PDB file of all heavy atoms in Angstrom:
ATOM      1  N   SER A   1       7.421  -6.893  -7.411  1.00  0.00           N
ATOM      2  CA  SER A   1       6.206  -7.688  -7.403  1.00  0.00           C
ATOM      3  C   SER A   1       4.940  -6.888  -7.119  1.00  0.00           C
ATOM      4  O   SER A   1       3.836  -7.364  -7.391  1.00  0.00           O
ATOM      5  CB  SER A   1       6.323  -8.825  -6.379  1.00  0.00           C
ATOM      6  OG  SER A   1       6.531  -8.306  -5.078  1.00  0.00           O
ATOM      7  N   VAL A   2       5.092  -5.676  -6.580  1.00  0.00           N
ATOM      8  CA  VAL A   2       3.914  -4.878  -6.231  1.00  0.00           C
ATOM      9  C   VAL A   2       3.823  -3.569  -6.995  1.00  0.00           C
ATOM     10  O   VAL A   2       2.833  -2.837  -6.842  1.00  0.00           O
ATOM     11  CB  VAL A   2       3.848  -4.590  -4.714  1.00  0.00           C
ATOM     12  CG1 VAL A   2       3.938  -5.878  -3.915  1.00  0.00           C
ATOM     13  CG2 VAL A   2       4.945  -3.610  -4.294  1.00  0.00           C
ATOM     14  N   LYS A   3       4.808  -3.258  -7.815  1.00  0.00           N
ATOM     15  CA  LYS A   3       4.796  -2.015  -8.576  1.00  0.00           C
ATOM     16  C   LYS A   3       3.557  -1.929  -9.458  1.00  0.00           C
ATOM     17  O   LYS A   3       3.198  -2.875 -10.141  1.00  0.00           O
ATOM     18  CB  LYS A   3       6.053  -1.901  -9.436  1.00  0.00           C
ATOM     19  CG  LYS A   3       7.308  -1.570  -8.657  1.00  0.00           C
ATOM     20  CD  LYS A   3       8.515  -1.434  -9.574  1.00  0.00           C
ATOM     21  CE  LYS A   3       9.763  -1.067  -8.785  1.00  0.00           C
ATOM     22  NZ  LYS A   3      10.962  -0.991  -9.655  1.00  0.00           N
ATOM     23  N   GLY A   4       2.921  -0.781  -9.414  1.00  0.00           N
ATOM     24  CA  GLY A   4       1.722  -0.567 -10.195  1.00  0.00           C
ATOM     25  C   GLY A   4       0.454  -1.006  -9.509  1.00  0.00           C
ATOM     26  O   GLY A   4      -0.645  -0.689  -9.973  1.00  0.00           O
ATOM     27  N   ARG A   5       0.573  -1.738  -8.419  1.00  0.00           N
ATOM     28  CA  ARG A   5      -0.590  -2.233  -7.690  1.00  0.00           C
ATOM     29  C   ARG A   5      -0.705  -1.648  -6.283  1.00  0.00           C
ATOM     30  O   ARG A   5      -1.812  -1.435  -5.789  1.00  0.00           O
ATOM     31  CB  ARG A   5      -0.559  -3.755  -7.584  1.00  0.00           C
ATOM     32  CG  ARG A   5      -0.555  -4.467  -8.931  1.00  0.00           C
ATOM     33  CD  ARG A   5      -0.727  -5.977  -8.767  1.00  0.00           C
ATOM     34  NE  ARG A   5       0.360  -6.574  -8.000  1.00  0.00           N
ATOM     35  CZ  ARG A   5       0.190  -7.230  -6.847  1.00  0.00           C
ATOM     36  NH1 ARG A   5      -1.032  -7.371  -6.336  1.00  0.00           N
ATOM     37  NH2 ARG A   5       1.235  -7.754  -6.217  1.00  0.00           N
ATOM     38  N   PHE A   6       0.431  -1.412  -5.638  1.00  0.00           N
ATOM     39  CA  PHE A   6       0.450  -0.891  -4.272  1.00  0.00           C
ATOM     40  C   PHE A   6       0.939   0.550  -4.257  1.00  0.00           C
ATOM     41  O   PHE A   6       1.779   0.941  -5.076  1.00  0.00           O
ATOM     42  CB  PHE A   6       1.386  -1.714  -3.386  1.00  0.00           C
ATOM     43  CG  PHE A   6       0.920  -3.110  -3.083  1.00  0.00           C
ATOM     44  CD1 PHE A   6      -0.151  -3.681  -3.743  1.00  0.00           C
ATOM     45  CD2 PHE A   6       1.577  -3.855  -2.116  1.00  0.00           C
ATOM     46  CE1 PHE A   6      -0.577  -4.972  -3.461  1.00  0.00           C
ATOM     47  CE2 PHE A   6       1.169  -5.147  -1.818  1.00  0.00           C
ATOM     48  CZ  PHE A   6       0.092  -5.710  -2.489  1.00  0.00           C
ATOM     49  N   THR A   7       0.446   1.324  -3.301  1.00  0.00           N
ATOM     50  CA  THR A   7       0.882   2.700  -3.118  1.00  0.00           C
ATOM     51  C   THR A   7       1.115   2.978  -1.640  1.00  0.00           C
ATOM     52  O   THR A   7       0.225   2.772  -0.826  1.00  0.00           O
ATOM     53  CB  THR A   7      -0.150   3.704  -3.657  1.00  0.00           C
ATOM     54  OG1 THR A   7      -0.371   3.477  -5.052  1.00  0.00           O
ATOM     55  CG2 THR A   7       0.353   5.137  -3.466  1.00  0.00           C
ATOM     56  N   ILE A   8       2.319   3.441  -1.314  1.00  0.00           N
ATOM     57  CA  ILE A   8       2.626   3.827   0.059  1.00  0.00           C
ATOM     58  C   ILE A   8       2.518   5.345   0.174  1.00  0.00           C
ATOM     59  O   ILE A   8       2.904   6.080  -0.730  1.00  0.00           O
ATOM     60  CB  ILE A   8       4.030   3.344   0.486  1.00  0.00           C
ATOM     61  CG1 ILE A   8       4.260   3.596   1.982  1.00  0.00           C
ATOM     62  CG2 ILE A   8       5.126   3.987  -0.354  1.00  0.00           C
ATOM     63  CD1 ILE A   8       5.534   2.952   2.527  1.00  0.00           C
ATOM     64  N   SER A   9       1.978   5.812   1.281  1.00  0.00           N
ATOM     65  CA  SER A   9       1.839   7.246   1.516  1.00  0.00           C
ATOM     66  C   SER A   9       1.916   7.513   3.010  1.00  0.00           C
ATOM     67  O   SER A   9       1.853   6.582   3.825  1.00  0.00           O
ATOM     68  CB  SER A   9       0.522   7.768   0.938  1.00  0.00           C
ATOM     69  OG  SER A   9      -0.594   7.157   1.563  1.00  0.00           O
ATOM     70  N   ARG A  10       2.064   8.783   3.366  1.00  0.00           N
ATOM     71  CA  ARG A  10       2.140   9.119   4.783  1.00  0.00           C
ATOM     72  C   ARG A  10       1.424  10.430   5.069  1.00  0.00           C
ATOM     73  O   ARG A  10       1.330  11.317   4.219  1.00  0.00           O
ATOM     74  CB  ARG A  10       3.605   9.203   5.244  1.00  0.00           C
ATOM     75  CG  ARG A  10       4.413  10.338   4.609  1.00  0.00           C
ATOM     76  CD  ARG A  10       5.908  10.171   4.885  1.00  0.00           C
ATOM     77  NE  ARG A  10       6.200  10.233   6.307  1.00  0.00           N
ATOM     78  CZ  ARG A  10       7.287   9.716   6.880  1.00  0.00           C
ATOM     79  NH1 ARG A  10       8.190   9.083   6.133  1.00  0.00           N
ATOM     80  NH2 ARG A  10       7.466   9.828   8.187  1.00  0.00           N
ATOM     81  N   ASP A  11       0.932  10.542   6.295  1.00  0.00           N
ATOM     82  CA  ASP A  11       0.293  11.748   6.785  1.00  0.00           C
ATOM     83  C   ASP A  11       0.962  12.066   8.114  1.00  0.00           C
ATOM     84  O   ASP A  11       0.598  11.509   9.154  1.00  0.00           O
ATOM     85  CB  ASP A  11      -1.210  11.544   6.958  1.00  0.00           C
ATOM     86  CG  ASP A  11      -1.934  12.827   7.320  1.00  0.00           C
ATOM     87  OD1 ASP A  11      -1.291  13.762   7.843  1.00  0.00           O
ATOM     88  OD2 ASP A  11      -3.155  12.901   7.092  1.00  0.00           O
ATOM     89  N   ASN A  12       1.944  12.955   8.079  1.00  0.00           N
ATOM     90  CA  ASN A  12       2.712  13.258   9.281  1.00  0.00           C
ATOM     91  C   ASN A  12       1.872  13.914  10.374  1.00  0.00           C
ATOM     92  O   ASN A  12       2.145  13.736  11.559  1.00  0.00           O
ATOM     93  CB  ASN A  12       3.904  14.151   8.936  1.00  0.00           C
ATOM     94  CG  ASN A  12       4.954  13.428   8.113  1.00  0.00           C
ATOM     95  OD1 ASN A  12       5.069  12.210   8.161  1.00  0.00           O
ATOM     96  ND2 ASN A  12       5.724  14.185   7.348  1.00  0.00           N
ATOM     97  N   ALA A  13       0.863  14.664   9.987  1.00  0.00           N
ATOM     98  CA  ALA A  13      -0.007  15.305  10.965  1.00  0.00           C
ATOM     99  C   ALA A  13      -0.780  14.277  11.783  1.00  0.00           C
ATOM    100  O   ALA A  13      -1.161  14.538  12.922  1.00  0.00           O
ATOM    101  CB  ALA A  13      -0.968  16.265  10.277  1.00  0.00           C
ATOM    102  N   LYS A  14      -1.015  13.109  11.187  1.00  0.00           N
ATOM    103  CA  LYS A  14      -1.736  12.038  11.869  1.00  0.00           C
ATOM    104  C   LYS A  14      -0.817  10.932  12.364  1.00  0.00           C
ATOM    105  O   LYS A  14      -1.288   9.923  12.890  1.00  0.00           O
ATOM    106  CB  LYS A  14      -2.796  11.440  10.943  1.00  0.00           C
ATOM    107  CG  LYS A  14      -3.899  12.404  10.562  1.00  0.00           C
ATOM    108  CD  LYS A  14      -4.925  11.728   9.671  1.00  0.00           C
ATOM    109  CE  LYS A  14      -6.054  12.672   9.332  1.00  0.00           C
ATOM    110  NZ  LYS A  14      -7.072  12.034   8.456  1.00  0.00           N
ATOM    111  N   ASN A  15       0.492  11.116  12.187  1.00  0.00           N
ATOM    112  CA  ASN A  15       1.478  10.100  12.584  1.00  0.00           C
ATOM    113  C   ASN A  15       1.112   8.731  12.012  1.00  0.00           C
ATOM    114  O   ASN A  15       1.147   7.711  12.705  1.00  0.00           O
ATOM    115  CB  ASN A  15       1.582  10.013  14.108  1.00  0.00           C
ATOM    116  CG  ASN A  15       2.519  11.058  14.686  1.00  0.00           C
ATOM    117  OD1 ASN A  15       2.775  12.092  14.076  1.00  0.00           O
ATOM    118  ND2 ASN A  15       3.039  10.787  15.880  1.00  0.00           N
ATOM    119  N   THR A  16       0.789   8.715  10.729  1.00  0.00           N
ATOM    120  CA  THR A  16       0.292   7.500  10.102  1.00  0.00           C
ATOM    121  C   THR A  16       0.903   7.279   8.718  1.00  0.00           C
ATOM    122  O   THR A  16       1.068   8.227   7.946  1.00  0.00           O
ATOM    123  CB  THR A  16      -1.236   7.540   9.966  1.00  0.00           C
ATOM    124  OG1 THR A  16      -1.823   7.739  11.262  1.00  0.00           O
ATOM    125  CG2 THR A  16      -1.769   6.244   9.385  1.00  0.00           C
ATOM    126  N   VAL A  17       1.222   6.020   8.430  1.00  0.00           N
ATOM    127  CA  VAL A  17       1.658   5.617   7.105  1.00  0.00           C
ATOM    128  C   VAL A  17       0.634   4.620   6.576  1.00  0.00           C
ATOM    129  O   VAL A  17       0.051   3.848   7.344  1.00  0.00           O
ATOM    130  CB  VAL A  17       3.075   5.004   7.121  1.00  0.00           C
ATOM    131  CG1 VAL A  17       3.110   3.726   7.958  1.00  0.00           C
ATOM    132  CG2 VAL A  17       3.565   4.730   5.703  1.00  0.00           C
ATOM    133  N   TYR A  18       0.399   4.653   5.255  1.00  0.00           N
ATOM    134  CA  TYR A  18      -0.618   3.810   4.645  1.00  0.00           C
ATOM    135  C   TYR A  18      -0.022   2.937   3.543  1.00  0.00           C
ATOM    136  O   TYR A  18       0.996   3.278   2.935  1.00  0.00           O
ATOM    137  CB  TYR A  18      -1.726   4.655   4.024  1.00  0.00           C
ATOM    138  CG  TYR A  18      -2.371   5.631   4.968  1.00  0.00           C
ATOM    139  CD1 TYR A  18      -1.926   6.946   5.041  1.00  0.00           C
ATOM    140  CD2 TYR A  18      -3.430   5.247   5.782  1.00  0.00           C
ATOM    141  CE1 TYR A  18      -2.518   7.856   5.902  1.00  0.00           C
ATOM    142  CE2 TYR A  18      -4.023   6.149   6.645  1.00  0.00           C
ATOM    143  CZ  TYR A  18      -3.569   7.451   6.706  1.00  0.00           C
ATOM    144  OH  TYR A  18      -4.154   8.351   7.560  1.00  0.00           O
ATOM    145  N   LEU A  19      -0.684   1.834   3.289  1.00  0.00           N
ATOM    146  CA  LEU A  19      -0.358   1.002   2.140  1.00  0.00           C
ATOM    147  C   LEU A  19      -1.668   0.652   1.452  1.00  0.00           C
ATOM    148  O   LEU A  19      -2.449  -0.152   1.968  1.00  0.00           O
ATOM    149  CB  LEU A  19       0.382  -0.281   2.540  1.00  0.00           C
ATOM    150  CG  LEU A  19       0.843  -1.153   1.372  1.00  0.00           C
ATOM    151  CD1 LEU A  19       1.934  -0.438   0.568  1.00  0.00           C
ATOM    152  CD2 LEU A  19       1.348  -2.502   1.862  1.00  0.00           C
ATOM    153  N   GLN A  20      -1.914   1.278   0.311  1.00  0.00           N
ATOM    154  CA  GLN A  20      -3.094   0.983  -0.488  1.00  0.00           C
ATOM    155  C   GLN A  20      -2.755  -0.158  -1.430  1.00  0.00           C
ATOM    156  O   GLN A  20      -1.854  -0.031  -2.257  1.00  0.00           O
ATOM    157  CB  GLN A  20      -3.534   2.217  -1.277  1.00  0.00           C
ATOM    158  CG  GLN A  20      -4.740   1.993  -2.170  1.00  0.00           C
ATOM    159  CD  GLN A  20      -5.994   1.677  -1.396  1.00  0.00           C
ATOM    160  OE1 GLN A  20      -6.347   2.400  -0.474  1.00  0.00           O
ATOM    161  NE2 GLN A  20      -6.663   0.590  -1.759  1.00  0.00           N
ATOM    162  N   MET A  21      -3.466  -1.265  -1.311  1.00  0.00           N
ATOM    163  CA  MET A  21      -3.209  -2.451  -2.108  1.00  0.00           C
ATOM    164  C   MET A  21      -4.382  -2.709  -3.038  1.00  0.00           C
ATOM    165  O   MET A  21      -5.522  -2.814  -2.586  1.00  0.00           O
ATOM    166  CB  MET A  21      -2.968  -3.664  -1.210  1.00  0.00           C
ATOM    167  CG  MET A  21      -1.847  -3.466  -0.197  1.00  0.00           C
ATOM    168  SD  MET A  21      -1.531  -4.949   0.791  1.00  0.00           S
ATOM    169  CE  MET A  21      -3.049  -5.011   1.746  1.00  0.00           C
ATOM    170  N   SER A  22      -4.099  -2.828  -4.322  1.00  0.00           N
ATOM    171  CA  SER A  22      -5.117  -3.080  -5.322  1.00  0.00           C
ATOM    172  C   SER A  22      -4.725  -4.278  -6.171  1.00  0.00           C
ATOM    173  O   SER A  22      -3.571  -4.695  -6.177  1.00  0.00           O
ATOM    174  CB  SER A  22      -5.310  -1.847  -6.213  1.00  0.00           C
ATOM    175  OG  SER A  22      -5.691  -0.716  -5.460  1.00  0.00           O
ATOM    176  N   SER A  23      -5.702  -4.808  -6.905  1.00  0.00           N
ATOM    177  CA  SER A  23      -5.469  -5.970  -7.769  1.00  0.00           C
ATOM    178  C   SER A  23      -4.728  -7.073  -7.021  1.00  0.00           C
ATOM    179  O   SER A  23      -3.755  -7.640  -7.513  1.00  0.00           O
ATOM    180  CB  SER A  23      -4.684  -5.553  -9.017  1.00  0.00           C
ATOM    181  OG  SER A  23      -5.372  -4.562  -9.741  1.00  0.00           O
ATOM    182  N   LEU A  24      -5.208  -7.369  -5.843  1.00  0.00           N
ATOM    183  CA  LEU A  24      -4.529  -8.336  -4.982  1.00  0.00           C
ATOM    184  C   LEU A  24      -4.526  -9.740  -5.575  1.00  0.00           C
ATOM    185  O   LEU A  24      -5.489 -10.165  -6.215  1.00  0.00           O
ATOM    186  CB  LEU A  24      -5.178  -8.347  -3.606  1.00  0.00           C
ATOM    187  CG  LEU A  24      -4.798  -7.148  -2.732  1.00  0.00           C
ATOM    188  CD1 LEU A  24      -5.785  -6.984  -1.585  1.00  0.00           C
ATOM    189  CD2 LEU A  24      -3.378  -7.318  -2.199  1.00  0.00           C
ATOM    190  N   LYS A  25      -3.426 -10.434  -5.346  1.00  0.00           N
ATOM    191  CA  LYS A  25      -3.217 -11.786  -5.836  1.00  0.00           C
ATOM    192  C   LYS A  25      -3.017 -12.736  -4.662  1.00  0.00           C
ATOM    193  O   LYS A  25      -2.603 -12.308  -3.588  1.00  0.00           O
ATOM    194  CB  LYS A  25      -1.982 -11.841  -6.738  1.00  0.00           C
ATOM    195  CG  LYS A  25      -1.991 -10.851  -7.891  1.00  0.00           C
ATOM    196  CD  LYS A  25      -0.660 -10.880  -8.624  1.00  0.00           C
ATOM    197  CE  LYS A  25      -0.642  -9.889  -9.767  1.00  0.00           C
ATOM    198  NZ  LYS A  25       0.663  -9.904 -10.481  1.00  0.00           N
ATOM    199  N   PRO A  26      -3.287 -14.028  -4.850  1.00  0.00           N
ATOM    200  CA  PRO A  26      -3.050 -14.993  -3.767  1.00  0.00           C
ATOM    201  C   PRO A  26      -1.626 -14.944  -3.220  1.00  0.00           C
ATOM    202  O   PRO A  26      -1.424 -15.146  -2.020  1.00  0.00           O
ATOM    203  CB  PRO A  26      -3.352 -16.339  -4.434  1.00  0.00           C
ATOM    204  CG  PRO A  26      -4.370 -16.009  -5.464  1.00  0.00           C
ATOM    205  CD  PRO A  26      -3.938 -14.662  -6.008  1.00  0.00           C
ATOM    206  N   GLU A  27      -0.656 -14.656  -4.080  1.00  0.00           N
ATOM    207  CA  GLU A  27       0.725 -14.586  -3.634  1.00  0.00           C
ATOM    208  C   GLU A  27       1.032 -13.381  -2.755  1.00  0.00           C
ATOM    209  O   GLU A  27       2.126 -13.269  -2.201  1.00  0.00           O
ATOM    210  CB  GLU A  27       1.697 -14.618  -4.829  1.00  0.00           C
ATOM    211  CG  GLU A  27       1.357 -13.624  -5.918  1.00  0.00           C
ATOM    212  CD  GLU A  27       0.584 -14.251  -7.060  1.00  0.00           C
ATOM    213  OE1 GLU A  27      -0.380 -14.999  -6.788  1.00  0.00           O
ATOM    214  OE2 GLU A  27       0.948 -14.007  -8.232  1.00  0.00           O
ATOM    215  N   ASP A  28       0.076 -12.468  -2.619  1.00  0.00           N
ATOM    216  CA  ASP A  28       0.226 -11.346  -1.693  1.00  0.00           C
ATOM    217  C   ASP A  28      -0.092 -11.752  -0.261  1.00  0.00           C
ATOM    218  O   ASP A  28       0.112 -10.963   0.665  1.00  0.00           O
ATOM    219  CB  ASP A  28      -0.677 -10.182  -2.097  1.00  0.00           C
ATOM    220  CG  ASP A  28      -0.277  -9.561  -3.419  1.00  0.00           C
ATOM    221  OD1 ASP A  28       0.936  -9.390  -3.668  1.00  0.00           O
ATOM    222  OD2 ASP A  28      -1.182  -9.231  -4.221  1.00  0.00           O
ATOM    223  N   THR A  29      -0.616 -12.947  -0.080  1.00  0.00           N
ATOM    224  CA  THR A  29      -0.963 -13.432   1.251  1.00  0.00           C
ATOM    225  C   THR A  29       0.273 -13.492   2.136  1.00  0.00           C
ATOM    226  O   THR A  29       1.266 -14.131   1.793  1.00  0.00           O
ATOM    227  CB  THR A  29      -1.612 -14.821   1.168  1.00  0.00           C
ATOM    228  OG1 THR A  29      -2.848 -14.726   0.455  1.00  0.00           O
ATOM    229  CG2 THR A  29      -1.880 -15.373   2.560  1.00  0.00           C
TER     230      THR A  29
END
């Protein structure tokens, strides 16, 4: 349901994981 719209990434030096969400839909709520 999120392929092509969301991107997960990580920065180990910052101890952080990210989720970039684009083209958001109401069903992503």
